[in-house]
């Protein structure tokens, strides 16, 4: 680990980012360029004290999880991400396998979508990044680990994952998620996808029964209904924008026309912002 170069790299990249680039509305005059340390730390999911010590070359070696958080918080490119990992004494992630790196362009887009929930996911249902409204609607899923990273796994193994969905919608959701995962498994053909399927077959009789039907489908658009505890029923048209190899998806949740969902989302945005203060 090269603490000196790591410290310099973090500071330079932090000072190069403007609040506007990451969707931060600044109401006070800033005495220093770029983001504040506490803003980077919050976006990376670490304490301000720890981030400050990293910039001052006084911190212990950061974990890979911390580095992934910093990669997103600082809007690093793939080359910059690899450089960050190496400075911290880690091997850079393998680009030839499925990669969880989210491009700065996608992250910037998320920050500018204030009136609708949006999140970046892998084709295994792992949430990599969310905007504030998606976090308010669905909860923060970006820090989960193991099989729990996948919304598909949680849907079939955790009752809490279904609690916000009307009972009459759940059977169809189970079929859609299973068919989409079948497509992802064959398209990827990798150990990561197979491990998720094997774990689901072991842990969920419902999934095993649906898997045996061998339904295939790719989730591109559908209506999703969510019963939110603070604002009531949200009716959302989910549109998936796919990368060429579909390893990552930008999922947009647009308020359904003819409903009051847009007003409810606006209220939820105000409520969540007030809770953060």
C-alpha atoms as a PDB file:
ATOM      1  CA  UNK A   1       0.000   0.000   0.000  1.00  0.00           C
ATOM      2  CA  UNK A   2       1.362   3.382  -1.054  1.00  0.00           C
ATOM      3  CA  UNK A   3      -0.269   5.661   1.527  1.00  0.00           C
ATOM      4  CA  UNK A   4       1.309   8.827   0.166  1.00  0.00           C
ATOM      5  CA  UNK A   5       0.172   8.396  -3.419  1.00  0.00           C
ATOM      6  CA  UNK A   6      -3.221   7.107  -2.279  1.00  0.00           C
ATOM      7  CA  UNK A   7      -3.667  10.222  -0.148  1.00  0.00           C
ATOM      8  CA  UNK A   8      -2.747  12.517  -3.039  1.00  0.00           C
ATOM      9  CA  UNK A   9      -4.958  10.692  -5.557  1.00  0.00           C
ATOM     10  CA  UNK A  10      -8.026  10.851  -3.293  1.00  0.00           C
ATOM     11  CA  UNK A  11      -7.569  14.554  -2.603  1.00  0.00           C
ATOM     12  CA  UNK A  12      -7.014  15.449  -6.276  1.00  0.00           C
ATOM     13  CA  UNK A  13     -10.056  13.478  -7.417  1.00  0.00           C
ATOM     14  CA  UNK A  14     -12.234  14.953  -4.644  1.00  0.00           C
ATOM     15  CA  UNK A  15     -11.226  18.511  -5.513  1.00  0.00           C
ATOM     16  CA  UNK A  16     -11.900  17.866  -9.218  1.00  0.00           C
ATOM     17  CA  UNK A  17     -15.584  17.022  -8.599  1.00  0.00           C
ATOM     18  CA  UNK A  18     -18.116  19.819  -8.364  1.00  0.00           C
ATOM     19  CA  UNK A  19     -21.252  19.559  -6.223  1.00  0.00           C
ATOM     20  CA  UNK A  20     -23.372  19.927  -9.351  1.00  0.00           C
ATOM     21  CA  UNK A  21     -21.742  16.885 -10.938  1.00  0.00           C
ATOM     22  CA  UNK A  22     -22.972  14.644  -8.111  1.00  0.00           C
ATOM     23  CA  UNK A  23     -26.367  16.281  -7.654  1.00  0.00           C
ATOM     24  CA  UNK A  24     -25.547  18.273  -4.516  1.00  0.00           C
ATOM     25  CA  UNK A  25     -27.324  21.629  -4.276  1.00  0.00           C
ATOM     26  CA  UNK A  26     -24.957  24.010  -2.520  1.00  0.00           C
ATOM     27  CA  UNK A  27     -26.645  26.809  -0.563  1.00  0.00           C
ATOM     28  CA  UNK A  28     -23.495  28.217   1.024  1.00  0.00           C
ATOM     29  CA  UNK A  29     -20.304  29.632  -0.416  1.00  0.00           C
ATOM     30  CA  UNK A  30     -17.504  27.075  -0.545  1.00  0.00           C
ATOM     31  CA  UNK A  31     -14.017  28.037   0.509  1.00  0.00           C
ATOM     32  CA  UNK A  32     -12.344  25.049  -1.160  1.00  0.00           C
ATOM     33  CA  UNK A  33     -12.758  23.524  -4.636  1.00  0.00           C
ATOM     34  CA  UNK A  34     -14.658  20.334  -5.243  1.00  0.00           C
ATOM     35  CA  UNK A  35     -16.512  18.228  -2.721  1.00  0.00           C
ATOM     36  CA  UNK A  36     -16.072  18.339   1.024  1.00  0.00           C
ATOM     37  CA  UNK A  37     -14.564  15.333   2.754  1.00  0.00           C
ATOM     38  CA  UNK A  38     -17.795  14.592   4.589  1.00  0.00           C
ATOM     39  CA  UNK A  39     -19.687  14.572   1.287  1.00  0.00           C
ATOM     40  CA  UNK A  40     -17.346  11.999  -0.236  1.00  0.00           C
ATOM     41  CA  UNK A  41     -17.444   9.897   2.921  1.00  0.00           C
ATOM     42  CA  UNK A  42     -21.250   9.895   3.014  1.00  0.00           C
ATOM     43  CA  UNK A  43     -21.486   8.877  -0.628  1.00  0.00           C
ATOM     44  CA  UNK A  44     -18.913   6.118  -0.109  1.00  0.00           C
ATOM     45  CA  UNK A  45     -20.665   4.770   2.988  1.00  0.00           C
ATOM     46  CA  UNK A  46     -17.738   5.336   5.355  1.00  0.00           C
ATOM     47  CA  UNK A  47     -17.115   7.675   8.274  1.00  0.00           C
ATOM     48  CA  UNK A  48     -15.749  11.165   7.707  1.00  0.00           C
ATOM     49  CA  UNK A  49     -13.000  10.429  10.217  1.00  0.00           C
ATOM     50  CA  UNK A  50     -11.809   7.371   8.300  1.00  0.00           C
ATOM     51  CA  UNK A  51     -11.897   9.172   4.953  1.00  0.00           C
ATOM     52  CA  UNK A  52      -9.975  12.106   6.449  1.00  0.00           C
ATOM     53  CA  UNK A  53      -7.289   9.734   7.723  1.00  0.00           C
ATOM     54  CA  UNK A  54      -7.037   8.178   4.242  1.00  0.00           C
ATOM     55  CA  UNK A  55      -6.382  11.615   2.755  1.00  0.00           C
ATOM     56  CA  UNK A  56      -3.843  12.303   5.479  1.00  0.00           C
ATOM     57  CA  UNK A  57      -2.031   8.970   4.883  1.00  0.00           C
ATOM     58  CA  UNK A  58      -2.798   7.881   8.450  1.00  0.00           C
ATOM     59  CA  UNK A  59      -5.385   5.137   7.849  1.00  0.00           C
ATOM     60  CA  UNK A  60      -4.947   1.358   7.751  1.00  0.00           C
ATOM     61  CA  UNK A  61      -5.347  -0.424   4.433  1.00  0.00           C
ATOM     62  CA  UNK A  62      -8.915   0.046   3.120  1.00  0.00           C
ATOM     63  CA  UNK A  63     -10.917  -3.025   2.210  1.00  0.00           C
ATOM     64  CA  UNK A  64     -12.103  -3.784  -1.329  1.00  0.00           C
ATOM     65  CA  UNK A  65     -15.618  -2.809  -0.224  1.00  0.00           C
ATOM     66  CA  UNK A  66     -14.404   0.628   0.872  1.00  0.00           C
ATOM     67  CA  UNK A  67     -12.559   1.062  -2.424  1.00  0.00           C
ATOM     68  CA  UNK A  68     -15.696   0.207  -4.397  1.00  0.00           C
ATOM     69  CA  UNK A  69     -17.568   2.846  -2.418  1.00  0.00           C
ATOM     70  CA  UNK A  70     -14.874   5.427  -3.121  1.00  0.00           C
ATOM     71  CA  UNK A  71     -14.882   4.512  -6.812  1.00  0.00           C
ATOM     72  CA  UNK A  72     -18.557   5.446  -7.050  1.00  0.00           C
ATOM     73  CA  UNK A  73     -18.343   8.454  -4.754  1.00  0.00           C
ATOM     74  CA  UNK A  74     -15.475   9.960  -6.761  1.00  0.00           C
ATOM     75  CA  UNK A  75     -16.900   9.031 -10.182  1.00  0.00           C
ATOM     76  CA  UNK A  76     -13.768   7.145 -11.195  1.00  0.00           C
ATOM     77  CA  UNK A  77     -13.261   5.652 -14.632  1.00  0.00           C
ATOM     78  CA  UNK A  78     -12.200   2.017 -14.938  1.00  0.00           C
ATOM     79  CA  UNK A  79      -8.543   3.008 -15.299  1.00  0.00           C
ATOM     80  CA  UNK A  80      -8.796   5.264 -12.247  1.00  0.00           C
ATOM     81  CA  UNK A  81     -10.536   2.539 -10.274  1.00  0.00           C
ATOM     82  CA  UNK A  82      -7.768   0.048 -11.085  1.00  0.00           C
ATOM     83  CA  UNK A  83      -5.179   2.656 -10.067  1.00  0.00           C
ATOM     84  CA  UNK A  84      -6.991   3.208  -6.742  1.00  0.00           C
ATOM     85  CA  UNK A  85      -7.012  -0.519  -5.965  1.00  0.00           C
ATOM     86  CA  UNK A  86      -3.311  -0.870  -6.721  1.00  0.00           C
ATOM     87  CA  UNK A  87      -2.350   2.166  -4.634  1.00  0.00           C
ATOM     88  CA  UNK A  88      -4.261   0.588  -1.747  1.00  0.00           C
ATOM     89  CA  UNK A  89      -2.334  -2.670  -2.113  1.00  0.00           C
ATOM     90  CA  UNK A  90      -5.107  -4.682  -3.776  1.00  0.00           C
ATOM     91  CA  UNK A  91      -5.252  -6.497  -7.086  1.00  0.00           C
ATOM     92  CA  UNK A  92      -7.419  -4.581  -9.540  1.00  0.00           C
ATOM     93  CA  UNK A  93     -10.762  -6.284 -10.268  1.00  0.00           C
ATOM     94  CA  UNK A  94     -10.805  -8.596 -13.278  1.00  0.00           C
ATOM     95  CA  UNK A  95     -12.420  -6.806 -16.208  1.00  0.00           C
ATOM     96  CA  UNK A  96     -12.884 -10.039 -18.139  1.00  0.00           C
ATOM     97  CA  UNK A  97     -15.426 -11.356 -15.647  1.00  0.00           C
ATOM     98  CA  UNK A  98     -18.690  -9.700 -14.705  1.00  0.00           C
ATOM     99  CA  UNK A  99     -17.739  -6.258 -13.419  1.00  0.00           C
ATOM    100  CA  UNK A 100     -19.625  -4.201 -10.837  1.00  0.00           C
ATOM    101  CA  UNK A 101     -18.059  -0.929 -11.939  1.00  0.00           C
ATOM    102  CA  UNK A 102     -20.706   1.683 -12.776  1.00  0.00           C
ATOM    103  CA  UNK A 103     -19.629   4.287 -15.298  1.00  0.00           C
ATOM    104  CA  UNK A 104     -19.465   7.959 -14.208  1.00  0.00           C
ATOM    105  CA  UNK A 105     -22.003   8.735 -16.948  1.00  0.00           C
ATOM    106  CA  UNK A 106     -24.610   6.416 -15.412  1.00  0.00           C
ATOM    107  CA  UNK A 107     -23.888   7.710 -11.919  1.00  0.00           C
ATOM    108  CA  UNK A 108     -24.251  11.281 -13.121  1.00  0.00           C
ATOM    109  CA  UNK A 109     -27.567  10.419 -14.732  1.00  0.00           C
ATOM    110  CA  UNK A 110     -28.837   8.898 -11.491  1.00  0.00           C
ATOM    111  CA  UNK A 111     -28.018  12.100  -9.623  1.00  0.00           C
ATOM    112  CA  UNK A 112     -30.041  14.177 -12.078  1.00  0.00           C
ATOM    113  CA  UNK A 113     -33.187  12.049 -11.944  1.00  0.00           C
ATOM    114  CA  UNK A 114     -34.946  13.740  -9.058  1.00  0.00           C
ATOM    115  CA  UNK A 115     -38.585  13.013  -9.902  1.00  0.00           C
ATOM    116  CA  UNK A 116     -38.445   9.253 -10.438  1.00  0.00           C
ATOM    117  CA  UNK A 117     -36.714   6.316  -8.724  1.00  0.00           C
ATOM    118  CA  UNK A 118     -33.782   4.896 -10.693  1.00  0.00           C
ATOM    119  CA  UNK A 119     -31.063   2.356  -9.986  1.00  0.00           C
ATOM    120  CA  UNK A 120     -28.260   0.484 -11.714  1.00  0.00           C
ATOM    121  CA  UNK A 121     -28.408  -3.295 -11.334  1.00  0.00           C
ATOM    122  CA  UNK A 122     -26.627  -6.351 -12.658  1.00  0.00           C
ATOM    123  CA  UNK A 123     -28.592  -8.933 -14.618  1.00  0.00           C
ATOM    124  CA  UNK A 124     -28.510 -11.089 -11.457  1.00  0.00           C
ATOM    125  CA  UNK A 125     -30.578  -8.484  -9.627  1.00  0.00           C
ATOM    126  CA  UNK A 126     -27.694  -6.965  -7.633  1.00  0.00           C
ATOM    127  CA  UNK A 127     -28.226  -3.258  -6.963  1.00  0.00           C
ATOM    128  CA  UNK A 128     -25.011  -1.332  -7.631  1.00  0.00           C
ATOM    129  CA  UNK A 129     -26.224   2.255  -7.312  1.00  0.00           C
ATOM    130  CA  UNK A 130     -29.476   4.056  -6.476  1.00  0.00           C
ATOM    131  CA  UNK A 131     -30.661   7.628  -6.608  1.00  0.00           C
ATOM    132  CA  UNK A 132     -32.207   9.146  -3.486  1.00  0.00           C
ATOM    133  CA  UNK A 133     -35.787   8.434  -4.525  1.00  0.00           C
ATOM    134  CA  UNK A 134     -35.064   4.759  -5.281  1.00  0.00           C
ATOM    135  CA  UNK A 135     -33.562   4.414  -1.819  1.00  0.00           C
ATOM    136  CA  UNK A 136     -36.659   6.046  -0.323  1.00  0.00           C
ATOM    137  CA  UNK A 137     -38.999   3.674  -2.203  1.00  0.00           C
ATOM    138  CA  UNK A 138     -37.108   0.373  -2.032  1.00  0.00           C
ATOM    139  CA  UNK A 139     -34.572   0.872   0.775  1.00  0.00           C
ATOM    140  CA  UNK A 140     -30.796   0.949   0.470  1.00  0.00           C
ATOM    141  CA  UNK A 141     -29.626  -2.316  -1.119  1.00  0.00           C
ATOM    142  CA  UNK A 142     -26.150  -1.277  -2.267  1.00  0.00           C
ATOM    143  CA  UNK A 143     -24.257  -2.515   0.799  1.00  0.00           C
ATOM    144  CA  UNK A 144     -25.623  -6.075   0.891  1.00  0.00           C
ATOM    145  CA  UNK A 145     -23.240  -9.024   0.526  1.00  0.00           C
ATOM    146  CA  UNK A 146     -23.400 -12.675  -0.545  1.00  0.00           C
ATOM    147  CA  UNK A 147     -26.582 -14.056  -2.117  1.00  0.00           C
ATOM    148  CA  UNK A 148     -28.527 -11.298  -0.340  1.00  0.00           C
ATOM    149  CA  UNK A 149     -27.131  -8.843  -2.892  1.00  0.00           C
ATOM    150  CA  UNK A 150     -29.641 -10.205  -5.385  1.00  0.00           C
ATOM    151  CA  UNK A 151     -33.250  -8.996  -5.260  1.00  0.00           C
ATOM    152  CA  UNK A 152     -34.168 -12.358  -6.812  1.00  0.00           C
ATOM    153  CA  UNK A 153     -32.635 -14.286  -3.924  1.00  0.00           C
ATOM    154  CA  UNK A 154     -34.293 -12.062  -1.318  1.00  0.00           C
ATOM    155  CA  UNK A 155     -37.653 -12.338  -3.089  1.00  0.00           C
ATOM    156  CA  UNK A 156     -37.683 -16.108  -2.698  1.00  0.00           C
ATOM    157  CA  UNK A 157     -36.045 -16.381   0.727  1.00  0.00           C
ATOM    158  CA  UNK A 158     -37.081 -13.329   2.775  1.00  0.00           C
ATOM    159  CA  UNK A 159     -40.739 -12.543   3.577  1.00  0.00           C
ATOM    160  CA  UNK A 160     -39.728  -8.912   4.100  1.00  0.00           C
ATOM    161  CA  UNK A 161     -38.846  -8.627   0.404  1.00  0.00           C
ATOM    162  CA  UNK A 162     -42.488  -9.228  -0.556  1.00  0.00           C
ATOM    163  CA  UNK A 163     -44.150  -7.251   2.201  1.00  0.00           C
ATOM    164  CA  UNK A 164     -44.575  -4.082   0.133  1.00  0.00           C
ATOM    165  CA  UNK A 165     -46.108  -5.876  -2.870  1.00  0.00           C
ATOM    166  CA  UNK A 166     -49.856  -6.548  -3.099  1.00  0.00           C
ATOM    167  CA  UNK A 167     -50.513 -10.295  -2.544  1.00  0.00           C
ATOM    168  CA  UNK A 168     -52.278 -10.628  -5.897  1.00  0.00           C
ATOM    169  CA  UNK A 169     -49.104  -9.460  -7.725  1.00  0.00           C
ATOM    170  CA  UNK A 170     -46.629 -11.823  -6.093  1.00  0.00           C
ATOM    171  CA  UNK A 171     -47.123 -14.995  -8.160  1.00  0.00           C
ATOM    172  CA  UNK A 172     -46.563 -13.099 -11.412  1.00  0.00           C
ATOM    173  CA  UNK A 173     -43.475 -11.405  -9.943  1.00  0.00           C
ATOM    174  CA  UNK A 174     -42.040 -14.799  -8.993  1.00  0.00           C
ATOM    175  CA  UNK A 175     -42.500 -16.124 -12.534  1.00  0.00           C
ATOM    176  CA  UNK A 176     -40.986 -13.024 -14.141  1.00  0.00           C
ATOM    177  CA  UNK A 177     -37.923 -13.027 -11.893  1.00  0.00           C
ATOM    178  CA  UNK A 178     -37.313 -16.741 -12.468  1.00  0.00           C
ATOM    179  CA  UNK A 179     -37.608 -16.453 -16.255  1.00  0.00           C
ATOM    180  CA  UNK A 180     -35.254 -13.461 -16.304  1.00  0.00           C
ATOM    181  CA  UNK A 181     -32.678 -15.278 -14.155  1.00  0.00           C
ATOM    182  CA  UNK A 182     -32.836 -18.288 -16.509  1.00  0.00           C
ATOM    183  CA  UNK A 183     -31.932 -16.000 -19.412  1.00  0.00           C
ATOM    184  CA  UNK A 184     -29.106 -14.402 -17.428  1.00  0.00           C
ATOM    185  CA  UNK A 185     -27.638 -17.789 -16.487  1.00  0.00           C
ATOM    186  CA  UNK A 186     -27.398 -18.988 -20.089  1.00  0.00           C
ATOM    187  CA  UNK A 187     -26.228 -15.617 -21.414  1.00  0.00           C
ATOM    188  CA  UNK A 188     -23.471 -15.355 -18.811  1.00  0.00           C
ATOM    189  CA  UNK A 189     -22.509 -18.999 -18.444  1.00  0.00           C
ATOM    190  CA  UNK A 190     -20.353 -18.120 -15.444  1.00  0.00           C
ATOM    191  CA  UNK A 191     -19.846 -19.502 -11.951  1.00  0.00           C
ATOM    192  CA  UNK A 192     -21.354 -16.441 -10.289  1.00  0.00           C
ATOM    193  CA  UNK A 193     -24.738 -16.910 -11.936  1.00  0.00           C
ATOM    194  CA  UNK A 194     -24.690 -20.680 -11.399  1.00  0.00           C
ATOM    195  CA  UNK A 195     -23.889 -20.238  -7.702  1.00  0.00           C
ATOM    196  CA  UNK A 196     -26.918 -17.965  -7.274  1.00  0.00           C
ATOM    197  CA  UNK A 197     -29.218 -20.443  -9.018  1.00  0.00           C
ATOM    198  CA  UNK A 198     -27.842 -23.373  -6.994  1.00  0.00           C
ATOM    199  CA  UNK A 199     -28.383 -21.467  -3.752  1.00  0.00           C
ATOM    200  CA  UNK A 200     -31.951 -20.626  -4.727  1.00  0.00           C
ATOM    201  CA  UNK A 201     -32.708 -24.238  -5.667  1.00  0.00           C
ATOM    202  CA  UNK A 202     -31.451 -25.305  -2.254  1.00  0.00           C
ATOM    203  CA  UNK A 203     -33.214 -22.596  -0.233  1.00  0.00           C
ATOM    204  CA  UNK A 204     -36.562 -22.100  -1.987  1.00  0.00           C
ATOM    205  CA  UNK A 205     -39.009 -24.875  -2.991  1.00  0.00           C
ATOM    206  CA  UNK A 206     -41.099 -22.231  -4.775  1.00  0.00           C
ATOM    207  CA  UNK A 207     -38.141 -21.211  -6.930  1.00  0.00           C
ATOM    208  CA  UNK A 208     -37.276 -24.860  -7.636  1.00  0.00           C
ATOM    209  CA  UNK A 209     -40.812 -25.521  -8.875  1.00  0.00           C
ATOM    210  CA  UNK A 210     -40.788 -22.466 -11.151  1.00  0.00           C
ATOM    211  CA  UNK A 211     -37.271 -23.270 -12.377  1.00  0.00           C
ATOM    212  CA  UNK A 212     -38.386 -26.721 -13.521  1.00  0.00           C
ATOM    213  CA  UNK A 213     -40.897 -25.082 -15.892  1.00  0.00           C
ATOM    214  CA  UNK A 214     -37.926 -23.655 -17.875  1.00  0.00           C
ATOM    215  CA  UNK A 215     -39.640 -20.350 -18.665  1.00  0.00           C
ATOM    216  CA  UNK A 216     -37.374 -17.805 -20.344  1.00  0.00           C
ATOM    217  CA  UNK A 217     -37.792 -14.055 -20.562  1.00  0.00           C
ATOM    218  CA  UNK A 218     -35.889 -10.784 -20.288  1.00  0.00           C
ATOM    219  CA  UNK A 219     -37.418  -8.063 -18.126  1.00  0.00           C
ATOM    220  CA  UNK A 220     -37.592  -4.922 -20.257  1.00  0.00           C
ATOM    221  CA  UNK A 221     -40.768  -3.171 -19.132  1.00  0.00           C
ATOM    222  CA  UNK A 222     -43.642  -3.873 -16.765  1.00  0.00           C
ATOM    223  CA  UNK A 223     -45.987  -2.326 -14.222  1.00  0.00           C
ATOM    224  CA  UNK A 224     -44.832  -2.574 -10.598  1.00  0.00           C
ATOM    225  CA  UNK A 225     -47.040  -1.748  -7.610  1.00  0.00           C
ATOM    226  CA  UNK A 226     -45.445  -0.943  -4.253  1.00  0.00           C
ATOM    227  CA  UNK A 227     -47.350  -0.296  -1.028  1.00  0.00           C
ATOM    228  CA  UNK A 228     -45.156   2.262   0.711  1.00  0.00           C
ATOM    229  CA  UNK A 229     -45.694   2.689   4.475  1.00  0.00           C
ATOM    230  CA  UNK A 230     -45.503   6.502   4.312  1.00  0.00           C
ATOM    231  CA  UNK A 231     -47.247   7.428   1.069  1.00  0.00           C
ATOM    232  CA  UNK A 232     -49.467   4.471   0.188  1.00  0.00           C
ATOM    233  CA  UNK A 233     -49.705   2.650  -3.138  1.00  0.00           C
ATOM    234  CA  UNK A 234     -47.153   3.595  -5.812  1.00  0.00           C
ATOM    235  CA  UNK A 235     -47.880   2.445  -9.369  1.00  0.00           C
ATOM    236  CA  UNK A 236     -44.708   2.509 -11.412  1.00  0.00           C
ATOM    237  CA  UNK A 237     -43.917   1.645 -15.005  1.00  0.00           C
ATOM    238  CA  UNK A 238     -40.517  -0.017 -14.828  1.00  0.00           C
ATOM    239  CA  UNK A 239     -38.339   0.458 -17.912  1.00  0.00           C
ATOM    240  CA  UNK A 240     -35.016  -1.357 -18.151  1.00  0.00           C
ATOM    241  CA  UNK A 241     -32.356   0.250 -20.325  1.00  0.00           C
ATOM    242  CA  UNK A 242     -29.892  -2.484 -21.209  1.00  0.00           C
ATOM    243  CA  UNK A 243     -26.195  -2.435 -21.985  1.00  0.00           C
ATOM    244  CA  UNK A 244     -25.148  -4.227 -25.162  1.00  0.00           C
ATOM    245  CA  UNK A 245     -24.199  -7.395 -23.242  1.00  0.00           C
ATOM    246  CA  UNK A 246     -26.947  -6.760 -20.651  1.00  0.00           C
ATOM    247  CA  UNK A 247     -24.619  -7.322 -17.717  1.00  0.00           C
ATOM    248  CA  UNK A 248     -25.890  -4.062 -16.213  1.00  0.00           C
ATOM    249  CA  UNK A 249     -29.307  -2.440 -16.358  1.00  0.00           C
ATOM    250  CA  UNK A 250     -30.460   1.110 -15.710  1.00  0.00           C
ATOM    251  CA  UNK A 251     -33.909   0.599 -14.212  1.00  0.00           C
ATOM    252  CA  UNK A 252     -36.245   3.606 -14.357  1.00  0.00           C
ATOM    253  CA  UNK A 253     -39.482   3.622 -12.359  1.00  0.00           C
ATOM    254  CA  UNK A 254     -41.812   6.102 -14.040  1.00  0.00           C
ATOM    255  CA  UNK A 255     -45.055   7.170 -12.326  1.00  0.00           C
ATOM    256  CA  UNK A 256     -47.909   5.385 -14.110  1.00  0.00           C
ATOM    257  CA  UNK A 257     -50.151   7.740 -16.130  1.00  0.00           C
ATOM    258  CA  UNK A 258     -53.611   8.319 -14.704  1.00  0.00           C
ATOM    259  CA  UNK A 259     -52.473   7.716 -11.114  1.00  0.00           C
ATOM    260  CA  UNK A 260     -51.421  10.032  -8.291  1.00  0.00           C
ATOM    261  CA  UNK A 261     -48.042   8.300  -8.010  1.00  0.00           C
ATOM    262  CA  UNK A 262     -46.114  11.368  -9.177  1.00  0.00           C
ATOM    263  CA  UNK A 263     -47.567  13.393  -6.289  1.00  0.00           C
ATOM    264  CA  UNK A 264     -46.848  10.586  -3.834  1.00  0.00           C
ATOM    265  CA  UNK A 265     -43.242  10.350  -5.027  1.00  0.00           C
ATOM    266  CA  UNK A 266     -42.833  14.104  -4.636  1.00  0.00           C
ATOM    267  CA  UNK A 267     -44.111  13.828  -1.071  1.00  0.00           C
ATOM    268  CA  UNK A 268     -41.771  10.894  -0.390  1.00  0.00           C
ATOM    269  CA  UNK A 269     -38.834  12.914  -1.702  1.00  0.00           C
ATOM    270  CA  UNK A 270     -39.633  15.719   0.728  1.00  0.00           C
ATOM    271  CA  UNK A 271     -40.063  13.310   3.636  1.00  0.00           C
ATOM    272  CA  UNK A 272     -36.793  11.478   2.959  1.00  0.00           C
ATOM    273  CA  UNK A 273     -34.873  14.756   2.554  1.00  0.00           C
ATOM    274  CA  UNK A 274     -36.196  16.035   5.888  1.00  0.00           C
ATOM    275  CA  UNK A 275     -35.183  12.780   7.612  1.00  0.00           C
ATOM    276  CA  UNK A 276     -31.608  13.159   6.387  1.00  0.00           C
ATOM    277  CA  UNK A 277     -31.214  16.597   7.969  1.00  0.00           C
END
